Amino acid sequence: MADNRMNDIRSIEGGGKPLPYRDERKSPLTLTLSLQGRGFPTVLLVVGFYLLVSMAAALAQAEMFRCVMPNGSVVFSDRAISEQCRKMENLPPLLRAPDVPPPSPEAVAPEEKTPPPSEPAQVPTPGRGRRIDPPSDAAILIHDVKAVPNFNSLLGIAMFQATMQLENGDGDWTAEQVCIDVRFRDVTLIFLDVRQVGCLDGLKPLDSRSFTVTYTGLIPPRLFPIMAEATVAFVRWVK
């Protein structure tokens, strides 16, 4: 009878429905923190607070040991790693390294530039007007050119000679060798047109010497006057 009354009371309190039975001794009271609907900022706040607490605890428990190893070396560690370890007390506080500003562009060492290629050594060039350069071939002057024909009728040979006066117009350089190109022609410019080169050695500065160039050939069909044109073909200068 008493049990039926108790069930009726629970049914009335539960809106007509029988209340489930709960054993207070086996069901402890549990507090659950729900972040549902709080949003993402609340999650970050909780996680950040946890990290700060963890870092503070780690710093408070940080220790430094000075340990002597069996080989005699000294090792510093955050824990005792050998039998001869001593905890270090009154350590100075950790200091933050100062910020070093980046070097300015002016302080940066300039890049090594490749030196420009050196100019080639100066080679003496005739006629450039410097004392280290030999004079031009125009310093050899030719005067009084005369052409003389010689005929040998017995041998059938003709010899054409050109005589001239050569002068070295330079006062410092010696013409070690001077070669003259002579062109022999007849006055009618029809029967004869030959060339002959002759060379003279050792024409000193401001010196003048006579010189002859000879051409040997066959006697032409007709005897006629000849003329000669002389030009400088080559000069070797020495000083």
C-alpha atoms as a PDB file:
ATOM      1  CA  MET A   1       0.000   0.000   0.000  1.00  0.00           C
ATOM      2  CA  ALA A   2       2.783   2.434   0.909  1.00  0.00           C
ATOM      3  CA  ASP A   3       4.710   1.659  -2.346  1.00  0.00           C
ATOM      4  CA  ASN A   4       1.651   2.373  -4.465  1.00  0.00           C
ATOM      5  CA  ARG A   5       1.229   5.746  -2.817  1.00  0.00           C
ATOM      6  CA  MET A   6       4.828   6.671  -3.453  1.00  0.00           C
ATOM      7  CA  ASN A   7       4.499   5.813  -7.148  1.00  0.00           C
ATOM      8  CA  ASP A   8       1.371   7.893  -7.360  1.00  0.00           C
ATOM      9  CA  ILE A   9       3.208  10.901  -5.880  1.00  0.00           C
ATOM     10  CA  ARG A  10       6.065  10.527  -8.369  1.00  0.00           C
ATOM     11  CA  SER A  11       3.585  10.185 -11.207  1.00  0.00           C
ATOM     12  CA  ILE A  12       1.910  13.430 -10.180  1.00  0.00           C
ATOM     13  CA  GLU A  13       5.248  15.290  -9.931  1.00  0.00           C
ATOM     14  CA  GLY A  14       6.259  14.004 -13.338  1.00  0.00           C
ATOM     15  CA  GLY A  15       3.133  15.228 -15.086  1.00  0.00           C
ATOM     16  CA  GLY A  16       1.386  11.886 -14.965  1.00  0.00           C
ATOM     17  CA  LYS A  17       4.446   9.903 -16.110  1.00  0.00           C
ATOM     18  CA  PRO A  18       6.323   7.585 -13.795  1.00  0.00           C
ATOM     19  CA  LEU A  19       9.695   9.022 -12.817  1.00  0.00           C
ATOM     20  CA  PRO A  20      12.775   6.870 -13.501  1.00  0.00           C
ATOM     21  CA  TYR A  21      14.564   5.442 -10.517  1.00  0.00           C
ATOM     22  CA  ARG A  22      17.995   6.970  -9.720  1.00  0.00           C
ATOM     23  CA  ASP A  23      20.449   5.608  -7.187  1.00  0.00           C
ATOM     24  CA  GLU A  24      22.017   8.617  -5.525  1.00  0.00           C
ATOM     25  CA  ARG A  25      24.846   6.509  -4.138  1.00  0.00           C
ATOM     26  CA  LYS A  26      26.108   5.243  -7.552  1.00  0.00           C
ATOM     27  CA  SER A  27      25.557   8.360  -9.708  1.00  0.00           C
ATOM     28  CA  PRO A  28      28.023  11.127  -8.732  1.00  0.00           C
ATOM     29  CA  LEU A  29      27.309  14.708  -9.614  1.00  0.00           C
ATOM     30  CA  THR A  30      29.300  15.790 -12.741  1.00  0.00           C
ATOM     31  CA  LEU A  31      29.849  19.377 -14.001  1.00  0.00           C
ATOM     32  CA  THR A  32      30.280  19.606 -17.776  1.00  0.00           C
ATOM     33  CA  LEU A  33      31.523  22.830 -19.383  1.00  0.00           C
ATOM     34  CA  SER A  34      30.007  23.239 -22.801  1.00  0.00           C
ATOM     35  CA  LEU A  35      31.330  25.765 -25.280  1.00  0.00           C
ATOM     36  CA  GLN A  36      28.615  25.040 -27.788  1.00  0.00           C
ATOM     37  CA  GLY A  37      27.271  28.237 -29.146  1.00  0.00           C
ATOM     38  CA  ARG A  38      30.059  30.319 -27.553  1.00  0.00           C
ATOM     39  CA  GLY A  39      31.907  30.794 -30.798  1.00  0.00           C
ATOM     40  CA  PHE A  40      35.528  30.405 -31.893  1.00  0.00           C
ATOM     41  CA  PRO A  41      36.908  33.372 -29.811  1.00  0.00           C
ATOM     42  CA  THR A  42      35.967  31.601 -26.590  1.00  0.00           C
ATOM     43  CA  VAL A  43      37.937  28.515 -27.666  1.00  0.00           C
ATOM     44  CA  LEU A  44      41.015  30.611 -28.366  1.00  0.00           C
ATOM     45  CA  LEU A  45      40.721  32.315 -24.988  1.00  0.00           C
ATOM     46  CA  VAL A  46      40.660  29.003 -23.120  1.00  0.00           C
ATOM     47  CA  VAL A  47      43.555  27.514 -25.114  1.00  0.00           C
ATOM     48  CA  GLY A  48      45.671  30.638 -24.652  1.00  0.00           C
ATOM     49  CA  PHE A  49      45.115  30.681 -20.916  1.00  0.00           C
ATOM     50  CA  TYR A  50      46.193  27.034 -20.723  1.00  0.00           C
ATOM     51  CA  LEU A  51      49.403  27.717 -22.651  1.00  0.00           C
ATOM     52  CA  LEU A  52      50.315  30.649 -20.415  1.00  0.00           C
ATOM     53  CA  VAL A  53      49.866  28.557 -17.287  1.00  0.00           C
ATOM     54  CA  SER A  54      51.985  25.729 -18.763  1.00  0.00           C
ATOM     55  CA  MET A  55      54.842  28.083 -19.723  1.00  0.00           C
ATOM     56  CA  ALA A  56      54.859  29.713 -16.285  1.00  0.00           C
ATOM     57  CA  ALA A  57      55.073  26.322 -14.607  1.00  0.00           C
ATOM     58  CA  ALA A  58      57.940  25.228 -16.891  1.00  0.00           C
ATOM     59  CA  LEU A  59      59.911  28.398 -16.177  1.00  0.00           C
ATOM     60  CA  ALA A  60      59.376  28.024 -12.457  1.00  0.00           C
ATOM     61  CA  GLN A  61      60.681  24.453 -12.526  1.00  0.00           C
ATOM     62  CA  ALA A  62      63.711  25.137 -14.829  1.00  0.00           C
ATOM     63  CA  GLU A  63      66.971  24.064 -13.202  1.00  0.00           C
ATOM     64  CA  MET A  64      70.628  23.965 -14.264  1.00  0.00           C
ATOM     65  CA  PHE A  65      73.119  21.262 -13.265  1.00  0.00           C
ATOM     66  CA  ARG A  66      76.889  21.256 -13.663  1.00  0.00           C
ATOM     67  CA  CYS A  67      77.969  17.658 -14.265  1.00  0.00           C
ATOM     68  CA  VAL A  68      81.488  16.226 -14.458  1.00  0.00           C
ATOM     69  CA  MET A  69      81.632  13.311 -16.880  1.00  0.00           C
ATOM     70  CA  PRO A  70      83.860  10.242 -16.382  1.00  0.00           C
ATOM     71  CA  ASN A  71      86.324  11.532 -19.007  1.00  0.00           C
ATOM     72  CA  GLY A  72      86.783  14.784 -17.075  1.00  0.00           C
ATOM     73  CA  SER A  73      84.682  16.995 -19.339  1.00  0.00           C
ATOM     74  CA  VAL A  74      82.100  19.382 -17.873  1.00  0.00           C
ATOM     75  CA  VAL A  75      78.547  19.343 -19.191  1.00  0.00           C
ATOM     76  CA  PHE A  76      75.708  21.707 -18.268  1.00  0.00           C
ATOM     77  CA  SER A  77      72.234  20.157 -18.342  1.00  0.00           C
ATOM     78  CA  ASP A  78      68.707  20.708 -17.032  1.00  0.00           C
ATOM     79  CA  ARG A  79      68.901  17.400 -15.152  1.00  0.00           C
ATOM     80  CA  ALA A  80      71.508  15.258 -13.404  1.00  0.00           C
ATOM     81  CA  ILE A  81      73.124  13.071 -16.042  1.00  0.00           C
ATOM     82  CA  SER A  82      76.014  11.672 -13.973  1.00  0.00           C
ATOM     83  CA  GLU A  83      76.907  10.917 -10.340  1.00  0.00           C
ATOM     84  CA  GLN A  84      78.969  14.115 -10.037  1.00  0.00           C
ATOM     85  CA  CYS A  85      76.307  16.728 -10.695  1.00  0.00           C
ATOM     86  CA  ARG A  86      75.795  19.923  -8.711  1.00  0.00           C
ATOM     87  CA  LYS A  87      72.771  22.098  -8.914  1.00  0.00           C
ATOM     88  CA  MET A  88      73.658  25.677  -9.739  1.00  0.00           C
ATOM     89  CA  GLU A  89      72.057  28.334  -7.570  1.00  0.00           C
ATOM     90  CA  ASN A  90      71.533  32.060  -7.955  1.00  0.00           C
ATOM     91  CA  LEU A  91      71.769  32.011 -11.728  1.00  0.00           C
ATOM     92  CA  PRO A  92      71.560  35.406 -13.374  1.00  0.00           C
ATOM     93  CA  PRO A  93      68.300  36.119 -15.132  1.00  0.00           C
ATOM     94  CA  LEU A  94      68.092  35.503 -18.821  1.00  0.00           C
ATOM     95  CA  LEU A  95      68.555  38.616 -20.903  1.00  0.00           C
ATOM     96  CA  ARG A  96      67.082  39.235 -24.287  1.00  0.00           C
ATOM     97  CA  ALA A  97      69.639  39.728 -27.018  1.00  0.00           C
ATOM     98  CA  PRO A  98      69.476  43.229 -28.470  1.00  0.00           C
ATOM     99  CA  ASP A  99      68.060  43.628 -31.927  1.00  0.00           C
ATOM    100  CA  VAL A 100      70.788  44.312 -34.463  1.00  0.00           C
ATOM    101  CA  PRO A 101      69.572  46.545 -37.284  1.00  0.00           C
ATOM    102  CA  PRO A 102      70.389  45.344 -40.789  1.00  0.00           C
ATOM    103  CA  PRO A 103      73.425  46.991 -42.343  1.00  0.00           C
ATOM    104  CA  SER A 104      72.771  49.992 -44.481  1.00  0.00           C
ATOM    105  CA  PRO A 105      73.406  49.753 -48.232  1.00  0.00           C
ATOM    106  CA  GLU A 106      76.357  52.147 -47.814  1.00  0.00           C
ATOM    107  CA  ALA A 107      78.014  49.830 -45.272  1.00  0.00           C
ATOM    108  CA  VAL A 108      77.817  46.790 -47.529  1.00  0.00           C
ATOM    109  CA  ALA A 109      81.141  46.159 -49.209  1.00  0.00           C
ATOM    110  CA  PRO A 110      80.920  46.878 -52.916  1.00  0.00           C
ATOM    111  CA  GLU A 111      81.261  43.979 -55.275  1.00  0.00           C
ATOM    112  CA  GLU A 112      84.658  43.500 -56.809  1.00  0.00           C
ATOM    113  CA  LYS A 113      84.499  44.693 -60.369  1.00  0.00           C
ATOM    114  CA  THR A 114      86.446  42.924 -63.053  1.00  0.00           C
ATOM    115  CA  PRO A 115      89.270  45.232 -64.137  1.00  0.00           C
ATOM    116  CA  PRO A 116      89.041  46.290 -67.753  1.00  0.00           C
ATOM    117  CA  PRO A 117      91.424  44.508 -70.093  1.00  0.00           C
ATOM    118  CA  SER A 118      94.753  46.242 -70.336  1.00  0.00           C
ATOM    119  CA  GLU A 119      95.594  47.942 -73.561  1.00  0.00           C
ATOM    120  CA  PRO A 120      98.024  46.079 -75.784  1.00  0.00           C
ATOM    121  CA  ALA A 121     101.611  47.181 -75.691  1.00  0.00           C
ATOM    122  CA  GLN A 122     102.389  49.934 -78.102  1.00  0.00           C
ATOM    123  CA  VAL A 123     104.109  48.702 -81.211  1.00  0.00           C
ATOM    124  CA  PRO A 124     106.330  51.164 -83.021  1.00  0.00           C
ATOM    125  CA  THR A 125     104.525  52.438 -86.083  1.00  0.00           C
ATOM    126  CA  PRO A 126     106.409  54.298 -88.795  1.00  0.00           C
ATOM    127  CA  GLY A 127     105.579  57.951 -89.170  1.00  0.00           C
ATOM    128  CA  ARG A 128     103.597  58.526 -85.965  1.00  0.00           C
ATOM    129  CA  GLY A 129     105.869  61.377 -84.873  1.00  0.00           C
ATOM    130  CA  ARG A 130     106.997  59.993 -81.479  1.00  0.00           C
ATOM    131  CA  ARG A 131     110.643  59.487 -80.612  1.00  0.00           C
ATOM    132  CA  ILE A 132     110.061  55.785 -79.984  1.00  0.00           C
ATOM    133  CA  ASP A 133     108.558  55.343 -83.458  1.00  0.00           C
ATOM    134  CA  PRO A 134     110.661  55.112 -86.585  1.00  0.00           C
ATOM    135  CA  PRO A 135     110.054  57.691 -89.281  1.00  0.00           C
ATOM    136  CA  SER A 136     107.955  56.973 -92.325  1.00  0.00           C
ATOM    137  CA  ASP A 137     109.414  55.926 -95.653  1.00  0.00           C
ATOM    138  CA  ALA A 138     108.825  59.450 -96.876  1.00  0.00           C
ATOM    139  CA  ALA A 139     111.983  60.445 -94.974  1.00  0.00           C
ATOM    140  CA  ILE A 140     113.992  58.876 -97.837  1.00  0.00           C
ATOM    141  CA  LEU A 141     114.321  61.480-100.559  1.00  0.00           C
ATOM    142  CA  ILE A 142     115.171  60.646-104.208  1.00  0.00           C
ATOM    143  CA  HIS A 143     116.875  63.271-106.382  1.00  0.00           C
ATOM    144  CA  ASP A 144     118.292  63.539-109.897  1.00  0.00           C
ATOM    145  CA  VAL A 145     116.974  60.332-111.470  1.00  0.00           C
ATOM    146  CA  LYS A 146     118.578  59.643-114.866  1.00  0.00           C
ATOM    147  CA  ALA A 147     118.044  56.685-117.205  1.00  0.00           C
ATOM    148  CA  VAL A 148     120.892  55.520-119.482  1.00  0.00           C
ATOM    149  CA  PRO A 149     120.578  52.633-122.013  1.00  0.00           C
ATOM    150  CA  ASN A 150     123.608  50.407-122.910  1.00  0.00           C
ATOM    151  CA  PHE A 151     123.429  47.932-125.779  1.00  0.00           C
ATOM    152  CA  ASN A 152     125.782  45.030-126.578  1.00  0.00           C
ATOM    153  CA  SER A 153     125.088  44.047-130.154  1.00  0.00           C
ATOM    154  CA  LEU A 154     127.471  41.083-130.102  1.00  0.00           C
ATOM    155  CA  LEU A 155     125.642  39.432-127.224  1.00  0.00           C
ATOM    156  CA  GLY A 156     122.251  40.894-128.073  1.00  0.00           C
ATOM    157  CA  ILE A 157     121.871  42.243-124.532  1.00  0.00           C
ATOM    158  CA  ALA A 158     120.595  45.632-123.413  1.00  0.00           C
ATOM    159  CA  MET A 159     121.360  47.166-120.041  1.00  0.00           C
ATOM    160  CA  PHE A 160     119.166  49.937-118.716  1.00  0.00           C
ATOM    161  CA  GLN A 161     120.605  51.927-115.805  1.00  0.00           C
ATOM    162  CA  ALA A 162     118.921  54.456-113.523  1.00  0.00           C
ATOM    163  CA  THR A 163     121.206  56.663-111.462  1.00  0.00           C
ATOM    164  CA  MET A 164     119.897  58.776-108.593  1.00  0.00           C
ATOM    165  CA  GLN A 165     120.776  60.506-105.346  1.00  0.00           C
ATOM    166  CA  LEU A 166     119.281  59.076-102.098  1.00  0.00           C
ATOM    167  CA  GLU A 167     119.056  61.186 -98.946  1.00  0.00           C
ATOM    168  CA  ASN A 168     117.999  60.229 -95.391  1.00  0.00           C
ATOM    169  CA  GLY A 169     116.007  63.193 -94.122  1.00  0.00           C
ATOM    170  CA  ASP A 170     115.713  61.913 -90.515  1.00  0.00           C
ATOM    171  CA  GLY A 171     118.237  63.122 -87.941  1.00  0.00           C
ATOM    172  CA  ASP A 172     117.936  60.199 -85.459  1.00  0.00           C
ATOM    173  CA  TRP A 173     117.289  56.986 -87.354  1.00  0.00           C
ATOM    174  CA  THR A 174     119.521  55.085 -89.780  1.00  0.00           C
ATOM    175  CA  ALA A 175     118.076  53.427 -92.853  1.00  0.00           C
ATOM    176  CA  GLU A 176     119.756  50.055 -92.468  1.00  0.00           C
ATOM    177  CA  GLN A 177     118.375  48.983 -95.837  1.00  0.00           C
ATOM    178  CA  VAL A 178     116.611  51.022 -98.526  1.00  0.00           C
ATOM    179  CA  CYS A 179     115.051  49.321-101.547  1.00  0.00           C
ATOM    180  CA  ILE A 180     114.114  51.382-104.613  1.00  0.00           C
ATOM    181  CA  ASP A 181     111.633  50.264-107.283  1.00  0.00           C
ATOM    182  CA  VAL A 182     112.547  51.604-110.734  1.00  0.00           C
ATOM    183  CA  ARG A 183     110.270  51.465-113.773  1.00  0.00           C
ATOM    184  CA  PHE A 184     111.994  51.699-117.196  1.00  0.00           C
ATOM    185  CA  ARG A 185     109.925  52.864-120.150  1.00  0.00           C
ATOM    186  CA  ASP A 186     110.612  54.159-123.645  1.00  0.00           C
ATOM    187  CA  VAL A 187     109.618  57.701-124.457  1.00  0.00           C
ATOM    188  CA  THR A 188     106.930  56.490-126.869  1.00  0.00           C
ATOM    189  CA  LEU A 189     105.444  54.199-124.174  1.00  0.00           C
ATOM    190  CA  ILE A 190     105.188  51.387-126.747  1.00  0.00           C
ATOM    191  CA  PHE A 191     108.247  49.099-126.848  1.00  0.00           C
ATOM    192  CA  LEU A 192     109.560  49.025-123.265  1.00  0.00           C
ATOM    193  CA  ASP A 193     107.916  48.765-119.840  1.00  0.00           C
ATOM    194  CA  VAL A 194     109.938  46.808-117.248  1.00  0.00           C
ATOM    195  CA  ARG A 195     110.611  47.105-113.505  1.00  0.00           C
ATOM    196  CA  GLN A 196     113.701  46.475-111.404  1.00  0.00           C
ATOM    197  CA  VAL A 197     114.309  46.727-107.625  1.00  0.00           C
ATOM    198  CA  GLY A 198     117.688  47.604-106.119  1.00  0.00           C
ATOM    199  CA  CYS A 199     118.682  48.000-102.442  1.00  0.00           C
ATOM    200  CA  LEU A 200     121.194  50.224-100.634  1.00  0.00           C
ATOM    201  CA  ASP A 201     122.528  49.493 -97.115  1.00  0.00           C
ATOM    202  CA  GLY A 202     123.531  51.792 -94.243  1.00  0.00           C
ATOM    203  CA  LEU A 203     122.131  55.197 -95.110  1.00  0.00           C
ATOM    204  CA  LYS A 204     122.895  57.189 -91.954  1.00  0.00           C
ATOM    205  CA  PRO A 205     120.858  60.115 -90.561  1.00  0.00           C
ATOM    206  CA  LEU A 206     121.003  63.223 -92.794  1.00  0.00           C
ATOM    207  CA  ASP A 207     123.325  61.372 -95.156  1.00  0.00           C
ATOM    208  CA  SER A 208     123.148  61.497 -98.971  1.00  0.00           C
ATOM    209  CA  ARG A 209     124.551  58.875-101.357  1.00  0.00           C
ATOM    210  CA  SER A 210     124.421  58.084-105.053  1.00  0.00           C
ATOM    211  CA  PHE A 211     122.752  54.868-106.136  1.00  0.00           C
ATOM    212  CA  THR A 212     122.294  52.948-109.394  1.00  0.00           C
ATOM    213  CA  VAL A 213     119.670  50.370-110.379  1.00  0.00           C
ATOM    214  CA  THR A 214     120.395  48.203-113.457  1.00  0.00           C
ATOM    215  CA  TYR A 215     118.034  46.143-115.595  1.00  0.00           C
ATOM    216  CA  THR A 216     119.425  43.562-118.065  1.00  0.00           C
ATOM    217  CA  GLY A 217     117.377  42.230-120.991  1.00  0.00           C
ATOM    218  CA  LEU A 218     117.319  41.595-124.729  1.00  0.00           C
ATOM    219  CA  ILE A 219     117.946  44.344-127.238  1.00  0.00           C
ATOM    220  CA  PRO A 220     114.586  45.705-128.432  1.00  0.00           C
ATOM    221  CA  PRO A 221     113.807  45.761-132.158  1.00  0.00           C
ATOM    222  CA  ARG A 222     114.451  49.461-132.247  1.00  0.00           C
ATOM    223  CA  LEU A 223     116.854  51.686-130.364  1.00  0.00           C
ATOM    224  CA  PHE A 224     115.123  54.530-128.633  1.00  0.00           C
ATOM    225  CA  PRO A 225     115.582  56.851-125.650  1.00  0.00           C
ATOM    226  CA  ILE A 226     114.325  55.586-122.261  1.00  0.00           C
ATOM    227  CA  MET A 227     113.154  57.173-119.029  1.00  0.00           C
ATOM    228  CA  ALA A 228     112.998  55.912-115.401  1.00  0.00           C
ATOM    229  CA  GLU A 229     110.606  56.428-112.485  1.00  0.00           C
ATOM    230  CA  ALA A 230     111.973  55.617-108.980  1.00  0.00           C
ATOM    231  CA  THR A 231     109.919  55.081-105.779  1.00  0.00           C
ATOM    232  CA  VAL A 232     110.767  53.799-102.276  1.00  0.00           C
ATOM    233  CA  ALA A 233     109.693  50.147-101.955  1.00  0.00           C
ATOM    234  CA  PHE A 234     111.017  49.257 -98.469  1.00  0.00           C
ATOM    235  CA  VAL A 235     113.005  50.776 -95.574  1.00  0.00           C
ATOM    236  CA  ARG A 236     114.390  49.053 -92.455  1.00  0.00           C
ATOM    237  CA  TRP A 237     115.037  51.616 -89.737  1.00  0.00           C
ATOM    238  CA  VAL A 238     117.462  51.223 -86.811  1.00  0.00           C
ATOM    239  CA  LYS A 239     118.500  53.586 -84.072  1.00  0.00           C
END
